Amino acid sequence: MPDSSTVYATIKKSDTQEIRVSVDNFKEHDFFSVREFYKDEESDKFLPTKKGITGGISDSTILDELIAGLQKIRETLF
């Protein structure tokens, strides 16, 4: 589990699935994350899955490319 987490967006896929866009801090390192979560029936809490992408904040190349790709999708489809 991260030492701390700030969620910037939550995208509801269904009552039991959501995608969270966050910045997490683990052992004094910051990471951005776009990750799918599922609702655990026993605890009624959302837990992370392996589905998603995480990258270091200090190397913004991944984040920049992700944003550029999403902008191209928006320009092409909308």
PDB file of N, CA and C in Angstrom:
ATOM      1  N   MET A   1       0.840  -1.183   0.000  1.00  0.00           N
ATOM      2  CA  MET A   1       0.000   0.000   0.000  1.00  0.00           C
ATOM      3  C   MET A   1       0.887   1.250   0.000  1.00  0.00           C
ATOM      4  N   PRO A   2       0.429   2.307  -0.679  1.00  0.00           N
ATOM      5  CA  PRO A   2       1.222   3.532  -0.703  1.00  0.00           C
ATOM      6  C   PRO A   2       1.237   4.211   0.657  1.00  0.00           C
ATOM      7  N   ASP A   3       2.286   4.989   0.899  1.00  0.00           N
ATOM      8  CA  ASP A   3       2.365   5.758   2.124  1.00  0.00           C
ATOM      9  C   ASP A   3       1.264   6.818   2.147  1.00  0.00           C
ATOM     10  N   SER A   4       0.950   7.368   0.963  1.00  0.00           N
ATOM     11  CA  SER A   4      -0.151   8.320   0.840  1.00  0.00           C
ATOM     12  C   SER A   4      -0.644   8.306  -0.599  1.00  0.00           C
ATOM     13  N   SER A   5      -1.872   8.777  -0.787  1.00  0.00           N
ATOM     14  CA  SER A   5      -2.460   8.785  -2.120  1.00  0.00           C
ATOM     15  C   SER A   5      -3.417   9.960  -2.239  1.00  0.00           C
ATOM     16  N   THR A   6      -3.357  10.656  -3.378  1.00  0.00           N
ATOM     17  CA  THR A   6      -4.298  11.725  -3.683  1.00  0.00           C
ATOM     18  C   THR A   6      -5.006  11.345  -4.972  1.00  0.00           C
ATOM     19  N   VAL A   7      -6.315  11.151  -4.899  1.00  0.00           N
ATOM     20  CA  VAL A   7      -7.105  10.773  -6.063  1.00  0.00           C
ATOM     21  C   VAL A   7      -7.593  12.044  -6.751  1.00  0.00           C
ATOM     22  N   TYR A   8      -7.273  12.182  -8.048  1.00  0.00           N
ATOM     23  CA  TYR A   8      -7.660  13.355  -8.823  1.00  0.00           C
ATOM     24  C   TYR A   8      -8.918  13.128  -9.644  1.00  0.00           C
ATOM     25  N   ALA A   9      -9.216  11.873  -9.958  1.00  0.00           N
ATOM     26  CA  ALA A   9     -10.432  11.559 -10.709  1.00  0.00           C
ATOM     27  C   ALA A   9     -10.841  10.124 -10.415  1.00  0.00           C
ATOM     28  N   THR A  10     -12.145   9.901 -10.380  1.00  0.00           N
ATOM     29  CA  THR A  10     -12.710   8.564 -10.244  1.00  0.00           C
ATOM     30  C   THR A  10     -13.736   8.400 -11.346  1.00  0.00           C
ATOM     31  N   ILE A  11     -13.547   7.375 -12.166  1.00  0.00           N
ATOM     32  CA  ILE A  11     -14.437   7.114 -13.298  1.00  0.00           C
ATOM     33  C   ILE A  11     -15.176   5.822 -12.996  1.00  0.00           C
ATOM     34  N   LYS A  12     -16.476   5.935 -12.778  1.00  0.00           N
ATOM     35  CA  LYS A  12     -17.272   4.764 -12.423  1.00  0.00           C
ATOM     36  C   LYS A  12     -17.577   3.953 -13.677  1.00  0.00           C
ATOM     37  N   LYS A  13     -17.187   2.675 -13.666  1.00  0.00           N
ATOM     38  CA  LYS A  13     -17.492   1.770 -14.774  1.00  0.00           C
ATOM     39  C   LYS A  13     -18.786   1.007 -14.490  1.00  0.00           C
ATOM     40  N   SER A  14     -18.998   0.671 -13.228  1.00  0.00           N
ATOM     41  CA  SER A  14     -20.201  -0.039 -12.789  1.00  0.00           C
ATOM     42  C   SER A  14     -20.283   0.115 -11.278  1.00  0.00           C
ATOM     43  N   ASP A  15     -21.252  -0.535 -10.664  1.00  0.00           N
ATOM     44  CA  ASP A  15     -21.369  -0.461  -9.201  1.00  0.00           C
ATOM     45  C   ASP A  15     -20.195  -1.138  -8.498  1.00  0.00           C
ATOM     46  N   THR A  16     -19.484  -2.005  -9.212  1.00  0.00           N
ATOM     47  CA  THR A  16     -18.398  -2.766  -8.587  1.00  0.00           C
ATOM     48  C   THR A  16     -17.028  -2.497  -9.208  1.00  0.00           C
ATOM     49  N   GLN A  17     -16.949  -1.589 -10.185  1.00  0.00           N
ATOM     50  CA  GLN A  17     -15.675  -1.278 -10.829  1.00  0.00           C
ATOM     51  C   GLN A  17     -15.541   0.224 -11.056  1.00  0.00           C
ATOM     52  N   GLU A  18     -14.312   0.717 -10.846  1.00  0.00           N
ATOM     53  CA  GLU A  18     -14.022   2.114 -11.136  1.00  0.00           C
ATOM     54  C   GLU A  18     -12.553   2.263 -11.499  1.00  0.00           C
ATOM     55  N   ILE A  19     -12.248   3.360 -12.182  1.00  0.00           N
ATOM     56  CA  ILE A  19     -10.875   3.699 -12.534  1.00  0.00           C
ATOM     57  C   ILE A  19     -10.506   4.939 -11.734  1.00  0.00           C
ATOM     58  N   ARG A  20      -9.338   4.892 -11.108  1.00  0.00           N
ATOM     59  CA  ARG A  20      -8.867   6.041 -10.321  1.00  0.00           C
ATOM     60  C   ARG A  20      -7.591   6.602 -10.930  1.00  0.00           C
ATOM     61  N   VAL A  21      -7.554   7.926 -11.024  1.00  0.00           N
ATOM     62  CA  VAL A  21      -6.371   8.653 -11.475  1.00  0.00           C
ATOM     63  C   VAL A  21      -5.800   9.314 -10.225  1.00  0.00           C
ATOM     64  N   SER A  22      -4.575   8.954  -9.886  1.00  0.00           N
ATOM     65  CA  SER A  22      -4.043   9.425  -8.608  1.00  0.00           C
ATOM     66  C   SER A  22      -2.550   9.684  -8.666  1.00  0.00           C
ATOM     67  N   VAL A  23      -2.073  10.361  -7.624  1.00  0.00           N
ATOM     68  CA  VAL A  23      -0.642  10.487  -7.347  1.00  0.00           C
ATOM     69  C   VAL A  23      -0.425   9.805  -6.008  1.00  0.00           C
ATOM     70  N   ASP A  24       0.501   8.860  -6.009  1.00  0.00           N
ATOM     71  CA  ASP A  24       0.787   8.075  -4.814  1.00  0.00           C
ATOM     72  C   ASP A  24       2.225   8.308  -4.383  1.00  0.00           C
ATOM     73  N   ASN A  25       2.465   8.223  -3.076  1.00  0.00           N
ATOM     74  CA  ASN A  25       3.805   8.351  -2.533  1.00  0.00           C
ATOM     75  C   ASN A  25       4.133   7.056  -1.807  1.00  0.00           C
ATOM     76  N   PHE A  26       5.248   6.443  -2.204  1.00  0.00           N
ATOM     77  CA  PHE A  26       5.700   5.211  -1.569  1.00  0.00           C
ATOM     78  C   PHE A  26       7.189   5.326  -1.308  1.00  0.00           C
ATOM     79  N   LYS A  27       7.571   5.206  -0.061  1.00  0.00           N
ATOM     80  CA  LYS A  27       8.978   5.306   0.346  1.00  0.00           C
ATOM     81  C   LYS A  27       9.619   6.574  -0.204  1.00  0.00           C
ATOM     82  N   GLU A  28       8.902   7.686  -0.046  1.00  0.00           N
ATOM     83  CA  GLU A  28       9.361   9.026  -0.426  1.00  0.00           C
ATOM     84  C   GLU A  28       9.544   9.215  -1.941  1.00  0.00           C
ATOM     85  N   HIS A  29       8.882   8.392  -2.760  1.00  0.00           N
ATOM     86  CA  HIS A  29       8.892   8.546  -4.207  1.00  0.00           C
ATOM     87  C   HIS A  29       7.462   8.756  -4.681  1.00  0.00           C
ATOM     88  N   ASP A  30       7.277   9.733  -5.598  1.00  0.00           N
ATOM     89  CA  ASP A  30       5.949  10.030  -6.124  1.00  0.00           C
ATOM     90  C   ASP A  30       5.728   9.316  -7.453  1.00  0.00           C
ATOM     91  N   PHE A  31       4.518   8.782  -7.622  1.00  0.00           N
ATOM     92  CA  PHE A  31       4.119   8.075  -8.832  1.00  0.00           C
ATOM     93  C   PHE A  31       2.730   8.527  -9.236  1.00  0.00           C
ATOM     94  N   PHE A  32       2.476   8.599 -10.561  1.00  0.00           N
ATOM     95  CA  PHE A  32       1.108   8.783 -11.012  1.00  0.00           C
ATOM     96  C   PHE A  32       0.558   7.400 -11.323  1.00  0.00           C
ATOM     97  N   SER A  33      -0.742   7.262 -11.245  1.00  0.00           N
ATOM     98  CA  SER A  33      -1.362   5.963 -11.480  1.00  0.00           C
ATOM     99  C   SER A  33      -2.733   6.143 -12.108  1.00  0.00           C
ATOM    100  N   VAL A  34      -3.023   5.330 -13.111  1.00  0.00           N
ATOM    101  CA  VAL A  34      -4.357   5.202 -13.691  1.00  0.00           C
ATOM    102  C   VAL A  34      -4.671   3.723 -13.535  1.00  0.00           C
ATOM    103  N   ARG A  35      -5.526   3.379 -12.575  1.00  0.00           N
ATOM    104  CA  ARG A  35      -5.700   1.986 -12.194  1.00  0.00           C
ATOM    105  C   ARG A  35      -7.163   1.624 -12.019  1.00  0.00           C
ATOM    106  N   GLU A  36      -7.490   0.389 -12.404  1.00  0.00           N
ATOM    107  CA  GLU A  36      -8.841  -0.128 -12.201  1.00  0.00           C
ATOM    108  C   GLU A  36      -8.947  -0.707 -10.789  1.00  0.00           C
ATOM    109  N   PHE A  37     -10.076  -0.425 -10.145  1.00  0.00           N
ATOM    110  CA  PHE A  37     -10.366  -0.938  -8.812  1.00  0.00           C
ATOM    111  C   PHE A  37     -11.647  -1.764  -8.871  1.00  0.00           C
ATOM    112  N   TYR A  38     -11.769  -2.734  -7.964  1.00  0.00           N
ATOM    113  CA  TYR A  38     -12.991  -3.534  -7.861  1.00  0.00           C
ATOM    114  C   TYR A  38     -13.505  -3.464  -6.430  1.00  0.00           C
ATOM    115  N   LYS A  39     -14.801  -3.650  -6.269  1.00  0.00           N
ATOM    116  CA  LYS A  39     -15.400  -3.597  -4.946  1.00  0.00           C
ATOM    117  C   LYS A  39     -15.364  -4.984  -4.316  1.00  0.00           C
ATOM    118  N   ASP A  40     -14.675  -5.097  -3.189  1.00  0.00           N
ATOM    119  CA  ASP A  40     -14.591  -6.347  -2.447  1.00  0.00           C
ATOM    120  C   ASP A  40     -15.903  -6.569  -1.705  1.00  0.00           C
ATOM    121  N   GLU A  41     -16.524  -7.706  -1.936  1.00  0.00           N
ATOM    122  CA  GLU A  41     -17.837  -7.984  -1.339  1.00  0.00           C
ATOM    123  C   GLU A  41     -17.778  -8.090   0.183  1.00  0.00           C
ATOM    124  N   GLU A  42     -16.703  -8.648   0.715  1.00  0.00           N
ATOM    125  CA  GLU A  42     -16.601  -8.835   2.165  1.00  0.00           C
ATOM    126  C   GLU A  42     -16.401  -7.524   2.917  1.00  0.00           C
ATOM    127  N   SER A  43     -15.469  -6.709   2.438  1.00  0.00           N
ATOM    128  CA  SER A  43     -15.153  -5.460   3.147  1.00  0.00           C
ATOM    129  C   SER A  43     -15.957  -4.274   2.638  1.00  0.00           C
ATOM    130  N   ASP A  44     -16.580  -4.403   1.457  1.00  0.00           N
ATOM    131  CA  ASP A  44     -17.335  -3.335   0.812  1.00  0.00           C
ATOM    132  C   ASP A  44     -16.432  -2.152   0.439  1.00  0.00           C
ATOM    133  N   LYS A  45     -15.118  -2.407   0.302  1.00  0.00           N
ATOM    134  CA  LYS A  45     -14.149  -1.382  -0.085  1.00  0.00           C
ATOM    135  C   LYS A  45     -13.656  -1.657  -1.494  1.00  0.00           C
ATOM    136  N   PHE A  46     -13.235  -0.584  -2.187  1.00  0.00           N
ATOM    137  CA  PHE A  46     -12.636  -0.744  -3.499  1.00  0.00           C
ATOM    138  C   PHE A  46     -11.151  -1.052  -3.336  1.00  0.00           C
ATOM    139  N   LEU A  47     -10.690  -2.083  -4.037  1.00  0.00           N
ATOM    140  CA  LEU A  47      -9.303  -2.521  -3.978  1.00  0.00           C
ATOM    141  C   LEU A  47      -8.693  -2.468  -5.379  1.00  0.00           C
ATOM    142  N   PRO A  48      -7.372  -2.223  -5.481  1.00  0.00           N
ATOM    143  CA  PRO A  48      -6.737  -2.109  -6.796  1.00  0.00           C
ATOM    144  C   PRO A  48      -6.583  -3.464  -7.486  1.00  0.00           C
ATOM    145  N   THR A  49      -6.614  -3.424  -8.823  1.00  0.00           N
ATOM    146  CA  THR A  49      -6.315  -4.606  -9.622  1.00  0.00           C
ATOM    147  C   THR A  49      -4.945  -4.409 -10.270  1.00  0.00           C
ATOM    148  N   LYS A  50      -4.507  -5.387 -11.031  1.00  0.00           N
ATOM    149  CA  LYS A  50      -3.254  -5.261 -11.773  1.00  0.00           C
ATOM    150  C   LYS A  50      -3.440  -4.449 -13.048  1.00  0.00           C
ATOM    151  N   LYS A  51      -4.694  -4.185 -13.418  1.00  0.00           N
ATOM    152  CA  LYS A  51      -4.984  -3.460 -14.654  1.00  0.00           C
ATOM    153  C   LYS A  51      -4.754  -1.970 -14.445  1.00  0.00           C
ATOM    154  N   GLY A  52      -3.803  -1.417 -15.186  1.00  0.00           N
ATOM    155  CA  GLY A  52      -3.544   0.003 -15.077  1.00  0.00           C
ATOM    156  C   GLY A  52      -2.123   0.333 -15.475  1.00  0.00           C
ATOM    157  N   ILE A  53      -1.765   1.574 -15.260  1.00  0.00           N
ATOM    158  CA  ILE A  53      -0.425   2.056 -15.585  1.00  0.00           C
ATOM    159  C   ILE A  53       0.053   2.944 -14.451  1.00  0.00           C
ATOM    160  N   THR A  54       1.344   2.828 -14.145  1.00  0.00           N
ATOM    161  CA  THR A  54       1.967   3.630 -13.104  1.00  0.00           C
ATOM    162  C   THR A  54       3.301   4.122 -13.641  1.00  0.00           C
ATOM    163  N   GLY A  55       3.634   5.352 -13.326  1.00  0.00           N
ATOM    164  CA  GLY A  55       4.911   5.903 -13.760  1.00  0.00           C
ATOM    165  C   GLY A  55       5.429   6.900 -12.755  1.00  0.00           C
ATOM    166  N   GLY A  56       6.721   7.105 -12.779  1.00  0.00           N
ATOM    167  CA  GLY A  56       7.346   8.050 -11.862  1.00  0.00           C
ATOM    168  C   GLY A  56       7.052   9.491 -12.260  1.00  0.00           C
ATOM    169  N   ILE A  57       6.815  10.314 -11.268  1.00  0.00           N
ATOM    170  CA  ILE A  57       6.558  11.735 -11.512  1.00  0.00           C
ATOM    171  C   ILE A  57       7.835  12.429 -11.989  1.00  0.00           C
ATOM    172  N   SER A  58       8.989  11.991 -11.498  1.00  0.00           N
ATOM    173  CA  SER A  58      10.245  12.653 -11.861  1.00  0.00           C
ATOM    174  C   SER A  58      10.584  12.474 -13.342  1.00  0.00           C
ATOM    175  N   ASP A  59      10.128  11.372 -13.955  1.00  0.00           N
ATOM    176  CA  ASP A  59      10.309  11.167 -15.397  1.00  0.00           C
ATOM    177  C   ASP A  59       8.942  11.316 -16.045  1.00  0.00           C
ATOM    178  N   SER A  60       8.652  12.499 -16.542  1.00  0.00           N
ATOM    179  CA  SER A  60       7.312  12.800 -17.032  1.00  0.00           C
ATOM    180  C   SER A  60       7.064  12.286 -18.447  1.00  0.00           C
ATOM    181  N   THR A  61       8.020  11.559 -19.046  1.00  0.00           N
ATOM    182  CA  THR A  61       7.861  11.075 -20.421  1.00  0.00           C
ATOM    183  C   THR A  61       6.609  10.221 -20.573  1.00  0.00           C
ATOM    184  N   ILE A  62       6.396   9.268 -19.678  1.00  0.00           N
ATOM    185  CA  ILE A  62       5.224   8.391 -19.762  1.00  0.00           C
ATOM    186  C   ILE A  62       3.947   9.216 -19.637  1.00  0.00           C
ATOM    187  N   LEU A  63       3.908  10.104 -18.679  1.00  0.00           N
ATOM    188  CA  LEU A  63       2.735  10.947 -18.457  1.00  0.00           C
ATOM    189  C   LEU A  63       2.480  11.844 -19.670  1.00  0.00           C
ATOM    190  N   ASP A  64       3.534  12.439 -20.211  1.00  0.00           N
ATOM    191  CA  ASP A  64       3.389  13.303 -21.393  1.00  0.00           C
ATOM    192  C   ASP A  64       2.850  12.517 -22.586  1.00  0.00           C
ATOM    193  N   GLU A  65       3.373  11.333 -22.824  1.00  0.00           N
ATOM    194  CA  GLU A  65       2.923  10.502 -23.949  1.00  0.00           C
ATOM    195  C   GLU A  65       1.480  10.042 -23.748  1.00  0.00           C
ATOM    196  N   LEU A  66       1.116   9.703 -22.523  1.00  0.00           N
ATOM    197  CA  LEU A  66      -0.259   9.298 -22.224  1.00  0.00           C
ATOM    198  C   LEU A  66      -1.230  10.442 -22.505  1.00  0.00           C
ATOM    199  N   ILE A  67      -0.895  11.633 -22.052  1.00  0.00           N
ATOM    200  CA  ILE A  67      -1.738  12.809 -22.286  1.00  0.00           C
ATOM    201  C   ILE A  67      -1.830  13.103 -23.783  1.00  0.00           C
ATOM    202  N   ALA A  68      -0.698  13.045 -24.498  1.00  0.00           N
ATOM    203  CA  ALA A  68      -0.698  13.306 -25.940  1.00  0.00           C
ATOM    204  C   ALA A  68      -1.571  12.287 -26.674  1.00  0.00           C
ATOM    205  N   GLY A  69      -1.486  11.022 -26.285  1.00  0.00           N
ATOM    206  CA  GLY A  69      -2.309   9.991 -26.905  1.00  0.00           C
ATOM    207  C   GLY A  69      -3.793  10.215 -26.673  1.00  0.00           C
ATOM    208  N   LEU A  70      -4.149  10.579 -25.455  1.00  0.00           N
ATOM    209  CA  LEU A  70      -5.556  10.858 -25.141  1.00  0.00           C
ATOM    210  C   LEU A  70      -6.060  12.078 -25.902  1.00  0.00           C
ATOM    211  N   GLN A  71      -5.214  13.097 -26.059  1.00  0.00           N
ATOM    212  CA  GLN A  71      -5.617  14.276 -26.829  1.00  0.00           C
ATOM    213  C   GLN A  71      -5.838  13.924 -28.296  1.00  0.00           C
ATOM    214  N   LYS A  72      -5.001  13.046 -28.862  1.00  0.00           N
ATOM    215  CA  LYS A  72      -5.170  12.617 -30.249  1.00  0.00           C
ATOM    216  C   LYS A  72      -6.483  11.849 -30.417  1.00  0.00           C
ATOM    217  N   ILE A  73      -6.809  11.010 -29.453  1.00  0.00           N
ATOM    218  CA  ILE A  73      -8.084  10.286 -29.500  1.00  0.00           C
ATOM    219  C   ILE A  73      -9.242  11.272 -29.499  1.00  0.00           C
ATOM    220  N   ARG A  74      -9.185  12.256 -28.606  1.00  0.00           N
ATOM    221  CA  ARG A  74     -10.263  13.243 -28.518  1.00  0.00           C
ATOM    222  C   ARG A  74     -10.396  14.018 -29.822  1.00  0.00           C
ATOM    223  N   GLU A  75      -9.274  14.456 -30.404  1.00  0.00           N
ATOM    224  CA  GLU A  75      -9.304  15.215 -31.658  1.00  0.00           C
ATOM    225  C   GLU A  75      -9.842  14.374 -32.812  1.00  0.00           C
ATOM    226  N   THR A  76      -9.485  13.108 -32.837  1.00  0.00           N
ATOM    227  CA  THR A  76      -9.904  12.221 -33.935  1.00  0.00           C
ATOM    228  C   THR A  76     -11.352  11.816 -33.836  1.00  0.00           C
ATOM    229  N   LEU A  77     -11.826  11.510 -32.646  1.00  0.00           N
ATOM    230  CA  LEU A  77     -13.168  10.956 -32.475  1.00  0.00           C
ATOM    231  C   LEU A  77     -14.245  11.978 -32.143  1.00  0.00           C
ATOM    232  N   PHE A  78     -13.862  13.126 -31.607  1.00  0.00           N
ATOM    233  CA  PHE A  78     -14.888  14.076 -31.160  1.00  0.00           C
ATOM    234  C   PHE A  78     -14.767  15.366 -31.887  1.00  0.00           C
TER     235      PHE A  78
END
